Amino acid sequence: MQWLDGAQIEQALEQTFNQILTTRMLGMPLLNPALAVRALGFGRVNRDWLGVLITPWCMNLLMLPTTDSDWITQPPGNKFEQAFPYGSFEFTVACEAQLGTYAQCSLFSPMFQFADQAAAVTAGLSALQALLSHPAPRAVSRRDMLRGQFGGR
């Protein structure tokens, strides 16, 4: 599937996962009834579209491919490492008929630690922002400074 922008992706994800909520997930005990399906923050990052998907059962980082994505030909269930400014994270390839191939990295599951939708949205946006930021540099101890070790080991 060719994605035009983040809004199109968010709409497609919300439609697809709301359908999953009312069919495959119906009556499952791991659903947090205070939460709704919401896709947020989707934008281009390198060769892929990246954002967060919140559902009543999980919160995942999701990557949707472009024609240039390295992992687009991998079958569902395959795992791969993806590097971001904060570090590398493992993603699992998945597929839904309405979406095509996508990759997911679990942030939370189940979702009972979230009292409401606002708390889940805040956590999701914070995770996305952190992922795209470089970690704070480690403070240099006096011992490391005297040894001339100024970076990470």
N, C-alpha and C. Protein backbone atom coordinates (compact mmCIF):
# COMPACT_ATOMS: atom_id res chain seq x y z
N MET A 1 0.84 -1.18 0.00
CA MET A 1 0.00 0.00 0.00
C MET A 1 0.89 1.24 0.00
N GLN A 2 0.52 2.22 -0.76
CA GLN A 2 1.25 3.49 -0.81
C GLN A 2 0.55 4.50 0.09
N TRP A 3 1.29 5.02 1.05
CA TRP A 3 0.74 5.99 1.98
C TRP A 3 1.09 7.40 1.53
N LEU A 4 0.11 8.30 1.62
CA LEU A 4 0.31 9.68 1.20
C LEU A 4 0.79 10.58 2.33
N ASP A 5 0.22 10.36 3.53
CA ASP A 5 0.59 11.20 4.67
C ASP A 5 0.19 10.52 5.97
N GLY A 6 0.62 11.12 7.08
CA GLY A 6 0.34 10.56 8.39
C GLY A 6 -1.15 10.48 8.70
N ALA A 7 -1.92 11.45 8.26
CA ALA A 7 -3.37 11.46 8.53
C ALA A 7 -4.05 10.26 7.87
N GLN A 8 -3.65 9.93 6.65
CA GLN A 8 -4.22 8.78 5.96
C GLN A 8 -3.89 7.49 6.71
N ILE A 9 -2.65 7.38 7.17
CA ILE A 9 -2.22 6.20 7.93
C ILE A 9 -3.02 6.09 9.22
N GLU A 10 -3.12 7.17 9.96
CA GLU A 10 -3.84 7.15 11.24
C GLU A 10 -5.29 6.74 11.05
N GLN A 11 -5.94 7.25 10.02
CA GLN A 11 -7.33 6.89 9.74
C GLN A 11 -7.45 5.40 9.41
N ALA A 12 -6.55 4.90 8.56
CA ALA A 12 -6.59 3.48 8.18
C ALA A 12 -6.33 2.57 9.37
N LEU A 13 -5.36 2.94 10.21
CA LEU A 13 -5.06 2.14 11.40
C LEU A 13 -6.24 2.12 12.36
N GLU A 14 -6.83 3.27 12.61
CA GLU A 14 -7.96 3.34 13.54
C GLU A 14 -9.14 2.53 13.02
N GLN A 15 -9.42 2.61 11.75
CA GLN A 15 -10.52 1.84 11.17
C GLN A 15 -10.24 0.33 11.29
N THR A 16 -9.03 -0.08 10.92
CA THR A 16 -8.67 -1.50 10.96
C THR A 16 -8.70 -2.04 12.38
N PHE A 17 -8.08 -1.33 13.32
CA PHE A 17 -7.99 -1.87 14.68
C PHE A 17 -9.29 -1.70 15.46
N ASN A 18 -10.16 -0.79 15.09
CA ASN A 18 -11.51 -0.76 15.67
C ASN A 18 -12.29 -1.98 15.21
N GLN A 19 -12.09 -2.38 13.96
CA GLN A 19 -12.74 -3.60 13.46
C GLN A 19 -12.21 -4.82 14.21
N ILE A 20 -10.91 -4.88 14.45
CA ILE A 20 -10.32 -5.98 15.22
C ILE A 20 -10.88 -5.98 16.63
N LEU A 21 -11.03 -4.80 17.23
CA LEU A 21 -11.58 -4.69 18.59
C LEU A 21 -12.98 -5.29 18.67
N THR A 22 -13.81 -5.04 17.67
CA THR A 22 -15.20 -5.50 17.72
C THR A 22 -15.40 -6.91 17.17
N THR A 23 -14.33 -7.53 16.69
CA THR A 23 -14.44 -8.91 16.18
C THR A 23 -13.48 -9.83 16.94
N ARG A 24 -12.23 -9.85 16.58
CA ARG A 24 -11.26 -10.78 17.16
C ARG A 24 -11.01 -10.57 18.65
N MET A 25 -11.09 -9.33 19.11
CA MET A 25 -10.78 -9.04 20.52
C MET A 25 -12.03 -8.96 21.40
N LEU A 26 -13.20 -9.08 20.82
CA LEU A 26 -14.46 -8.96 21.54
C LEU A 26 -14.51 -9.91 22.74
N GLY A 27 -14.75 -9.35 23.92
CA GLY A 27 -14.89 -10.15 25.13
C GLY A 27 -13.59 -10.63 25.75
N MET A 28 -12.47 -10.26 25.22
CA MET A 28 -11.19 -10.70 25.78
C MET A 28 -10.94 -10.01 27.12
N PRO A 29 -10.47 -10.75 28.12
CA PRO A 29 -10.29 -10.15 29.45
C PRO A 29 -9.13 -9.16 29.55
N LEU A 30 -8.28 -9.09 28.55
CA LEU A 30 -7.14 -8.18 28.64
C LEU A 30 -7.44 -6.78 28.10
N LEU A 31 -8.69 -6.49 27.77
CA LEU A 31 -9.07 -5.17 27.27
C LEU A 31 -9.25 -4.18 28.42
N ASN A 32 -8.68 -3.01 28.30
CA ASN A 32 -8.91 -1.93 29.26
C ASN A 32 -10.09 -1.11 28.72
N PRO A 33 -11.26 -1.17 29.39
CA PRO A 33 -12.45 -0.49 28.87
C PRO A 33 -12.35 1.04 28.88
N ALA A 34 -11.35 1.59 29.56
CA ALA A 34 -11.17 3.05 29.60
C ALA A 34 -10.46 3.57 28.35
N LEU A 35 -9.98 2.66 27.50
CA LEU A 35 -9.18 3.08 26.35
C LEU A 35 -9.89 2.81 25.03
N ALA A 36 -9.52 3.60 24.03
CA ALA A 36 -10.03 3.46 22.67
C ALA A 36 -8.86 3.30 21.72
N VAL A 37 -9.15 2.86 20.51
CA VAL A 37 -8.13 2.76 19.47
C VAL A 37 -7.76 4.16 19.01
N ARG A 38 -6.45 4.42 18.95
CA ARG A 38 -5.98 5.73 18.50
C ARG A 38 -4.60 5.57 17.89
N ALA A 39 -4.42 6.09 16.70
CA ALA A 39 -3.11 6.15 16.05
C ALA A 39 -2.64 7.59 16.10
N LEU A 40 -1.38 7.79 16.45
CA LEU A 40 -0.91 9.17 16.59
C LEU A 40 0.56 9.33 16.26
N GLY A 41 0.90 10.54 15.84
CA GLY A 41 2.28 10.92 15.61
C GLY A 41 2.91 10.38 14.34
N PHE A 42 2.13 9.88 13.40
CA PHE A 42 2.72 9.25 12.22
C PHE A 42 3.35 10.27 11.28
N GLY A 43 4.60 9.99 10.94
CA GLY A 43 5.35 10.83 10.01
C GLY A 43 6.49 10.02 9.43
N ARG A 44 7.13 10.56 8.42
CA ARG A 44 8.25 9.88 7.77
C ARG A 44 9.48 9.96 8.65
N VAL A 45 10.10 8.82 8.85
CA VAL A 45 11.38 8.72 9.54
C VAL A 45 12.25 7.83 8.66
N ASN A 46 13.26 8.44 8.08
CA ASN A 46 14.12 7.75 7.11
C ASN A 46 13.26 7.21 5.97
N ARG A 47 13.26 5.89 5.78
CA ARG A 47 12.53 5.30 4.65
C ARG A 47 11.13 4.83 5.01
N ASP A 48 10.72 4.99 6.25
CA ASP A 48 9.46 4.43 6.73
C ASP A 48 8.55 5.50 7.31
N TRP A 49 7.30 5.11 7.55
CA TRP A 49 6.35 5.90 8.32
C TRP A 49 6.37 5.33 9.74
N LEU A 50 6.49 6.18 10.74
CA LEU A 50 6.59 5.74 12.13
C LEU A 50 5.59 6.49 12.98
N GLY A 51 4.97 5.78 13.91
CA GLY A 51 4.06 6.40 14.86
C GLY A 51 3.70 5.40 15.95
N VAL A 52 2.67 5.74 16.73
CA VAL A 52 2.24 4.92 17.86
C VAL A 52 0.79 4.51 17.63
N LEU A 53 0.49 3.25 17.94
CA LEU A 53 -0.88 2.75 17.92
C LEU A 53 -1.26 2.38 19.34
N ILE A 54 -2.33 3.00 19.82
CA ILE A 54 -2.90 2.68 21.13
C ILE A 54 -4.17 1.90 20.90
N THR A 55 -4.31 0.77 21.60
CA THR A 55 -5.55 0.00 21.59
C THR A 55 -5.89 -0.34 23.04
N PRO A 56 -7.08 -0.84 23.32
CA PRO A 56 -7.39 -1.26 24.69
C PRO A 56 -6.58 -2.46 25.17
N TRP A 57 -5.85 -3.13 24.28
CA TRP A 57 -5.06 -4.29 24.67
C TRP A 57 -3.55 -4.11 24.55
N CYS A 58 -3.09 -3.10 23.82
CA CYS A 58 -1.64 -2.90 23.69
C CYS A 58 -1.32 -1.51 23.17
N MET A 59 -0.07 -1.12 23.32
CA MET A 59 0.46 0.09 22.70
C MET A 59 1.75 -0.32 22.00
N ASN A 60 1.80 -0.04 20.70
CA ASN A 60 2.95 -0.42 19.89
C ASN A 60 3.49 0.76 19.11
N LEU A 61 4.80 0.75 18.91
CA LEU A 61 5.38 1.56 17.85
C LEU A 61 5.06 0.82 16.56
N LEU A 62 4.63 1.52 15.54
CA LEU A 62 4.35 0.90 14.26
C LEU A 62 5.16 1.58 13.17
N MET A 63 5.70 0.78 12.29
CA MET A 63 6.34 1.29 11.08
C MET A 63 5.56 0.75 9.89
N LEU A 64 5.23 1.64 8.99
CA LEU A 64 4.61 1.25 7.73
C LEU A 64 5.61 1.57 6.62
N PRO A 65 5.73 0.67 5.65
CA PRO A 65 6.81 0.80 4.67
C PRO A 65 6.49 1.78 3.54
N THR A 66 7.56 2.24 2.93
CA THR A 66 7.50 2.90 1.64
C THR A 66 8.09 1.91 0.64
N THR A 67 8.12 2.25 -0.61
CA THR A 67 8.70 1.34 -1.60
C THR A 67 10.21 1.16 -1.39
N ASP A 68 10.83 2.06 -0.62
CA ASP A 68 12.27 1.98 -0.36
C ASP A 68 12.62 1.27 0.94
N SER A 69 11.63 0.81 1.70
CA SER A 69 11.90 0.19 3.00
C SER A 69 12.70 -1.09 2.83
N ASP A 70 13.66 -1.28 3.74
CA ASP A 70 14.53 -2.46 3.69
C ASP A 70 13.80 -3.75 4.04
N TRP A 71 12.79 -3.69 4.87
CA TRP A 71 12.16 -4.87 5.44
C TRP A 71 10.85 -5.26 4.75
N ILE A 72 10.45 -4.56 3.70
CA ILE A 72 9.13 -4.74 3.09
C ILE A 72 8.89 -6.16 2.56
N THR A 73 9.93 -6.88 2.19
CA THR A 73 9.75 -8.22 1.63
C THR A 73 9.79 -9.32 2.68
N GLN A 74 10.02 -8.97 3.94
CA GLN A 74 10.07 -9.99 4.99
C GLN A 74 8.67 -10.51 5.29
N PRO A 75 8.55 -11.82 5.56
CA PRO A 75 7.23 -12.39 5.84
C PRO A 75 6.76 -12.06 7.26
N PRO A 76 5.45 -12.09 7.49
CA PRO A 76 4.92 -11.87 8.84
C PRO A 76 5.57 -12.83 9.84
N GLY A 77 5.85 -12.30 11.01
CA GLY A 77 6.50 -13.08 12.06
C GLY A 77 8.00 -12.87 12.12
N ASN A 78 8.61 -12.44 11.04
CA ASN A 78 10.05 -12.15 11.05
C ASN A 78 10.34 -10.97 11.97
N LYS A 79 11.49 -11.03 12.60
CA LYS A 79 11.93 -9.95 13.49
C LYS A 79 13.17 -9.29 12.89
N PHE A 80 13.30 -8.00 13.13
CA PHE A 80 14.49 -7.28 12.68
C PHE A 80 14.75 -6.12 13.62
N GLU A 81 16.00 -5.68 13.64
CA GLU A 81 16.41 -4.53 14.46
C GLU A 81 16.32 -3.27 13.62
N GLN A 82 15.79 -2.22 14.22
CA GLN A 82 15.70 -0.93 13.55
C GLN A 82 16.41 0.10 14.42
N ALA A 83 17.34 0.84 13.84
CA ALA A 83 18.10 1.85 14.58
C ALA A 83 17.36 3.19 14.55
N PHE A 84 17.33 3.83 15.70
CA PHE A 84 16.79 5.18 15.87
C PHE A 84 17.82 5.99 16.64
N PRO A 85 17.66 7.30 16.72
CA PRO A 85 18.63 8.09 17.49
C PRO A 85 18.82 7.59 18.92
N TYR A 86 17.76 7.09 19.57
CA TYR A 86 17.88 6.64 20.95
C TYR A 86 18.56 5.28 21.06
N GLY A 87 18.47 4.45 20.02
CA GLY A 87 19.05 3.12 20.06
C GLY A 87 18.33 2.20 19.09
N SER A 88 18.68 0.92 19.12
CA SER A 88 18.06 -0.08 18.25
C SER A 88 16.95 -0.81 18.98
N PHE A 89 15.88 -1.10 18.23
CA PHE A 89 14.72 -1.77 18.80
C PHE A 89 14.28 -2.89 17.87
N GLU A 90 13.76 -3.97 18.46
CA GLU A 90 13.30 -5.11 17.68
C GLU A 90 11.86 -4.91 17.24
N PHE A 91 11.62 -5.10 15.96
CA PHE A 91 10.28 -5.02 15.38
C PHE A 91 9.91 -6.38 14.81
N THR A 92 8.62 -6.68 14.83
CA THR A 92 8.08 -7.90 14.25
C THR A 92 7.20 -7.52 13.07
N VAL A 93 7.41 -8.18 11.95
CA VAL A 93 6.61 -7.92 10.75
C VAL A 93 5.23 -8.54 10.93
N ALA A 94 4.20 -7.80 10.52
CA ALA A 94 2.82 -8.27 10.59
C ALA A 94 2.10 -7.84 9.31
N CYS A 95 0.89 -8.34 9.14
CA CYS A 95 0.13 -7.99 7.94
C CYS A 95 -1.36 -8.03 8.26
N GLU A 96 -2.07 -7.04 7.82
CA GLU A 96 -3.53 -7.00 7.87
C GLU A 96 -4.00 -6.67 6.46
N ALA A 97 -5.07 -7.29 6.02
CA ALA A 97 -5.55 -7.11 4.64
C ALA A 97 -5.77 -5.64 4.30
N GLN A 98 -6.33 -4.86 5.24
CA GLN A 98 -6.65 -3.46 4.97
C GLN A 98 -5.42 -2.56 4.97
N LEU A 99 -4.32 -3.02 5.56
CA LEU A 99 -3.12 -2.19 5.72
C LEU A 99 -1.95 -2.66 4.88
N GLY A 100 -1.90 -3.94 4.61
CA GLY A 100 -0.71 -4.52 4.02
C GLY A 100 0.31 -4.83 5.11
N THR A 101 1.55 -4.88 4.73
CA THR A 101 2.64 -5.21 5.66
C THR A 101 2.98 -4.01 6.53
N TYR A 102 3.23 -4.29 7.81
CA TYR A 102 3.71 -3.27 8.74
C TYR A 102 4.60 -3.97 9.76
N ALA A 103 5.29 -3.20 10.57
CA ALA A 103 6.15 -3.77 11.61
C ALA A 103 5.78 -3.13 12.93
N GLN A 104 5.84 -3.93 14.00
CA GLN A 104 5.43 -3.43 15.31
C GLN A 104 6.46 -3.76 16.38
N CYS A 105 6.54 -2.85 17.35
CA CYS A 105 7.43 -3.00 18.50
C CYS A 105 6.59 -2.70 19.73
N SER A 106 6.43 -3.67 20.60
CA SER A 106 5.55 -3.52 21.76
C SER A 106 6.11 -2.52 22.77
N LEU A 107 5.25 -1.62 23.21
CA LEU A 107 5.59 -0.69 24.29
C LEU A 107 4.93 -1.11 25.59
N PHE A 108 3.64 -1.45 25.53
CA PHE A 108 2.87 -1.88 26.71
C PHE A 108 1.86 -2.94 26.29
N SER A 109 1.72 -3.97 27.11
CA SER A 109 0.67 -4.96 26.93
C SER A 109 0.64 -5.84 28.17
N PRO A 110 -0.50 -5.98 28.81
CA PRO A 110 -1.77 -5.29 28.56
C PRO A 110 -1.69 -3.82 28.98
N MET A 111 -2.83 -3.15 28.97
CA MET A 111 -2.87 -1.69 29.14
C MET A 111 -3.53 -1.24 30.44
N PHE A 112 -3.59 -2.11 31.43
CA PHE A 112 -4.31 -1.77 32.67
C PHE A 112 -3.64 -0.69 33.50
N GLN A 113 -2.37 -0.37 33.25
CA GLN A 113 -1.71 0.69 34.02
C GLN A 113 -2.19 2.08 33.63
N PHE A 114 -2.97 2.19 32.57
CA PHE A 114 -3.47 3.49 32.12
C PHE A 114 -4.90 3.70 32.61
N ALA A 115 -5.10 4.77 33.40
CA ALA A 115 -6.42 5.06 33.96
C ALA A 115 -7.37 5.60 32.91
N ASP A 116 -6.82 6.28 31.90
CA ASP A 116 -7.69 6.87 30.88
C ASP A 116 -6.92 7.07 29.58
N GLN A 117 -7.65 7.50 28.56
CA GLN A 117 -7.08 7.69 27.22
C GLN A 117 -5.99 8.76 27.23
N ALA A 118 -6.20 9.83 27.99
CA ALA A 118 -5.22 10.91 28.03
C ALA A 118 -3.86 10.41 28.53
N ALA A 119 -3.87 9.55 29.54
CA ALA A 119 -2.62 9.01 30.07
C ALA A 119 -1.92 8.14 29.03
N ALA A 120 -2.68 7.34 28.30
CA ALA A 120 -2.09 6.49 27.26
C ALA A 120 -1.52 7.34 26.13
N VAL A 121 -2.24 8.37 25.72
CA VAL A 121 -1.76 9.26 24.65
C VAL A 121 -0.47 9.95 25.08
N THR A 122 -0.43 10.44 26.31
CA THR A 122 0.78 11.10 26.82
C THR A 122 1.97 10.14 26.81
N ALA A 123 1.75 8.91 27.27
CA ALA A 123 2.84 7.92 27.28
C ALA A 123 3.30 7.59 25.86
N GLY A 124 2.37 7.44 24.95
CA GLY A 124 2.72 7.11 23.57
C GLY A 124 3.51 8.20 22.89
N LEU A 125 3.06 9.44 23.05
CA LEU A 125 3.79 10.56 22.45
C LEU A 125 5.16 10.75 23.09
N SER A 126 5.25 10.53 24.40
CA SER A 126 6.55 10.62 25.09
C SER A 126 7.51 9.56 24.59
N ALA A 127 7.01 8.34 24.40
CA ALA A 127 7.86 7.25 23.90
C ALA A 127 8.36 7.57 22.49
N LEU A 128 7.48 8.08 21.65
CA LEU A 128 7.87 8.42 20.28
C LEU A 128 8.91 9.54 20.27
N GLN A 129 8.69 10.55 21.09
CA GLN A 129 9.65 11.66 21.17
C GLN A 129 11.00 11.17 21.68
N ALA A 130 11.00 10.31 22.70
CA ALA A 130 12.25 9.78 23.24
C ALA A 130 12.99 8.94 22.20
N LEU A 131 12.26 8.12 21.46
CA LEU A 131 12.86 7.26 20.44
C LEU A 131 13.62 8.07 19.40
N LEU A 132 13.09 9.23 19.07
CA LEU A 132 13.68 10.06 18.02
C LEU A 132 14.70 11.06 18.55
N SER A 133 14.98 11.00 19.86
CA SER A 133 15.96 11.89 20.48
C SER A 133 17.19 11.09 20.87
N HIS A 134 18.33 11.73 20.85
CA HIS A 134 19.55 11.08 21.33
C HIS A 134 19.50 11.03 22.84
N PRO A 135 19.98 9.92 23.45
CA PRO A 135 20.00 9.86 24.91
C PRO A 135 20.93 10.92 25.48
N ALA A 136 20.62 11.35 26.67
CA ALA A 136 21.48 12.34 27.33
C ALA A 136 22.87 11.75 27.52
N PRO A 137 23.90 12.55 27.28
CA PRO A 137 25.25 12.02 27.46
C PRO A 137 25.49 11.65 28.92
N ARG A 138 26.25 10.59 29.07
CA ARG A 138 26.57 10.11 30.41
C ARG A 138 27.54 11.10 31.06
N ALA A 139 27.28 11.40 32.31
CA ALA A 139 28.19 12.29 33.03
C ALA A 139 29.56 11.62 33.16
N VAL A 140 30.60 12.39 32.99
CA VAL A 140 31.96 11.87 33.09
C VAL A 140 32.39 11.94 34.55
N SER A 141 32.75 10.78 35.09
CA SER A 141 33.22 10.76 36.47
C SER A 141 34.64 11.30 36.54
N ARG A 142 35.05 11.68 37.71
CA ARG A 142 36.41 12.19 37.90
C ARG A 142 37.42 11.12 37.48
N ARG A 143 37.15 9.86 37.84
CA ARG A 143 38.05 8.76 37.50
C ARG A 143 38.19 8.61 35.99
N ASP A 144 37.05 8.63 35.27
CA ASP A 144 37.10 8.52 33.80
C ASP A 144 37.84 9.71 33.19
N MET A 145 37.62 10.90 33.74
CA MET A 145 38.28 12.08 33.20
C MET A 145 39.79 11.95 33.33
N LEU A 146 40.26 11.48 34.49
CA LEU A 146 41.69 11.32 34.71
C LEU A 146 42.28 10.23 33.82
N ARG A 147 41.47 9.25 33.44
CA ARG A 147 41.91 8.18 32.54
C ARG A 147 41.78 8.58 31.08
N GLY A 148 41.16 9.72 30.82
CA GLY A 148 40.96 10.16 29.43
C GLY A 148 39.80 9.47 28.75
N GLN A 149 38.87 8.89 29.53
CA GLN A 149 37.70 8.21 28.97
C GLN A 149 36.50 9.16 29.06
N PHE A 150 36.22 9.81 27.95
CA PHE A 150 35.16 10.82 27.95
C PHE A 150 33.86 10.34 27.33
N GLY A 151 33.85 9.23 26.62
CA GLY A 151 32.63 8.74 25.97
C GLY A 151 32.16 7.47 26.63
N GLY A 152 31.17 6.84 26.00
CA GLY A 152 30.68 5.56 26.50
C GLY A 152 31.72 4.48 26.29
N ARG A 153 31.59 3.39 26.99
CA ARG A 153 32.58 2.30 26.91
C ARG A 153 32.30 1.41 25.76
